[in-house]
Amino acid sequence: MHTIRRAVEVLFVLTLAALLAGGVLFVAGQAIALAAGRGDWLTLLNESIKAPMCIAASLCAIAGFLLSYKRRQNQEQPQEAGAR
């Protein structure tokens, strides 16, 4: 069970990093395309980067949801102090 949780953690971190990098690239590319007045660059960015970013966001969200469930730990019952 520990290896599955570790794999989900790795998936979460990798997809989060890919999503953040893709988002920076997407927004920077849009800003450059707008400044240059190139509508075809906007279309290219929308067609090439948007779909992988949506997939990474979905995987990241699912992994984050799964990581929100924690394994129940055995909690010891508090012991009452005995009379002296």
Protein backbone atom coordinates (compact mmCIF):
# COMPACT_ATOMS: atom_id res chain seq x y z
CA MET A 1 0.00 0.00 0.00
CA HIS A 2 2.91 2.34 0.71
CA THR A 3 4.25 1.95 -2.83
CA ILE A 4 0.89 2.91 -4.34
CA ARG A 5 0.77 6.07 -2.24
CA ARG A 6 4.35 6.89 -3.24
CA ALA A 7 3.47 6.43 -6.92
CA VAL A 8 0.47 8.74 -6.55
CA GLU A 9 2.69 11.33 -4.84
CA VAL A 10 5.19 11.15 -7.69
CA LEU A 11 2.38 11.47 -10.25
CA PHE A 12 1.03 14.49 -8.39
CA VAL A 13 4.40 16.27 -8.26
CA LEU A 14 5.28 15.54 -11.88
CA THR A 15 1.91 16.61 -13.27
CA LEU A 16 1.90 19.72 -11.09
CA ALA A 17 5.35 20.69 -12.38
CA ALA A 18 4.28 20.03 -15.98
CA LEU A 19 1.10 22.02 -15.48
CA LEU A 20 2.92 25.00 -13.99
CA ALA A 21 5.59 24.98 -16.70
CA GLY A 22 2.96 24.63 -19.41
CA GLY A 23 0.94 27.47 -17.93
CA VAL A 24 3.94 29.79 -17.90
CA LEU A 25 4.79 28.82 -21.47
CA PHE A 26 1.18 29.25 -22.58
CA VAL A 27 0.72 32.70 -21.03
CA ALA A 28 4.14 33.95 -22.11
CA GLY A 29 3.52 32.67 -25.63
CA GLN A 30 0.16 34.41 -25.75
CA ALA A 31 1.69 37.68 -24.57
CA ILE A 32 4.43 37.48 -27.20
CA ALA A 33 1.93 36.58 -29.92
CA LEU A 34 -0.33 39.47 -28.96
CA ALA A 35 2.58 41.92 -28.85
CA ALA A 36 3.75 40.69 -32.26
CA GLY A 37 0.23 40.75 -33.67
CA ARG A 38 0.41 37.14 -34.79
CA GLY A 39 -2.95 35.42 -34.59
CA ASP A 40 -1.56 32.23 -36.08
CA TRP A 41 0.79 31.88 -33.09
CA LEU A 42 -2.20 32.10 -30.77
CA THR A 43 -3.93 29.36 -32.73
CA LEU A 44 -0.78 27.22 -32.63
CA LEU A 45 -0.46 27.63 -28.87
CA ASN A 46 -4.12 26.83 -28.36
CA GLU A 47 -3.93 23.68 -30.47
CA SER A 48 -0.59 22.35 -29.23
CA ILE A 49 -0.30 23.25 -25.54
CA LYS A 50 -3.86 23.48 -24.28
CA ALA A 51 -4.80 19.80 -24.53
CA PRO A 52 -1.72 18.42 -22.72
CA MET A 53 -2.20 21.03 -20.00
CA CYS A 54 -5.81 19.95 -19.49
CA ILE A 55 -4.71 16.31 -19.23
CA ALA A 56 -1.97 17.21 -16.73
CA ALA A 57 -4.47 19.27 -14.70
CA SER A 58 -6.92 16.37 -14.61
CA LEU A 59 -4.29 13.86 -13.53
CA CYS A 60 -2.95 16.28 -10.93
CA ALA A 61 -6.44 16.86 -9.52
CA ILE A 62 -7.18 13.13 -9.31
CA ALA A 63 -3.84 12.43 -7.63
CA GLY A 64 -4.40 15.29 -5.18
CA PHE A 65 -7.86 13.95 -4.39
CA LEU A 66 -6.45 10.49 -3.73
CA LEU A 67 -3.71 11.92 -1.53
CA SER A 68 -6.29 13.69 0.61
CA TYR A 69 -7.30 10.31 2.02
CA LYS A 70 -4.98 9.38 4.82
CA ARG A 71 -4.57 5.97 6.24
CA ARG A 72 -6.18 5.60 9.62
CA GLN A 73 -3.58 5.32 12.31
CA ASN A 74 -4.17 3.25 15.36
CA GLN A 75 -4.81 5.69 18.16
CA GLU A 76 -4.10 4.52 21.64
CA GLN A 77 -6.76 5.15 24.23
CA PRO A 78 -5.61 7.74 26.75
CA GLN A 79 -4.96 6.11 30.06
CA GLU A 80 -6.47 7.59 33.14
CA ALA A 81 -4.16 8.27 36.00
CA GLY A 82 -4.58 5.79 38.78
CA ALA A 83 -5.16 6.77 42.38
CA ARG A 84 -2.05 7.12 44.49
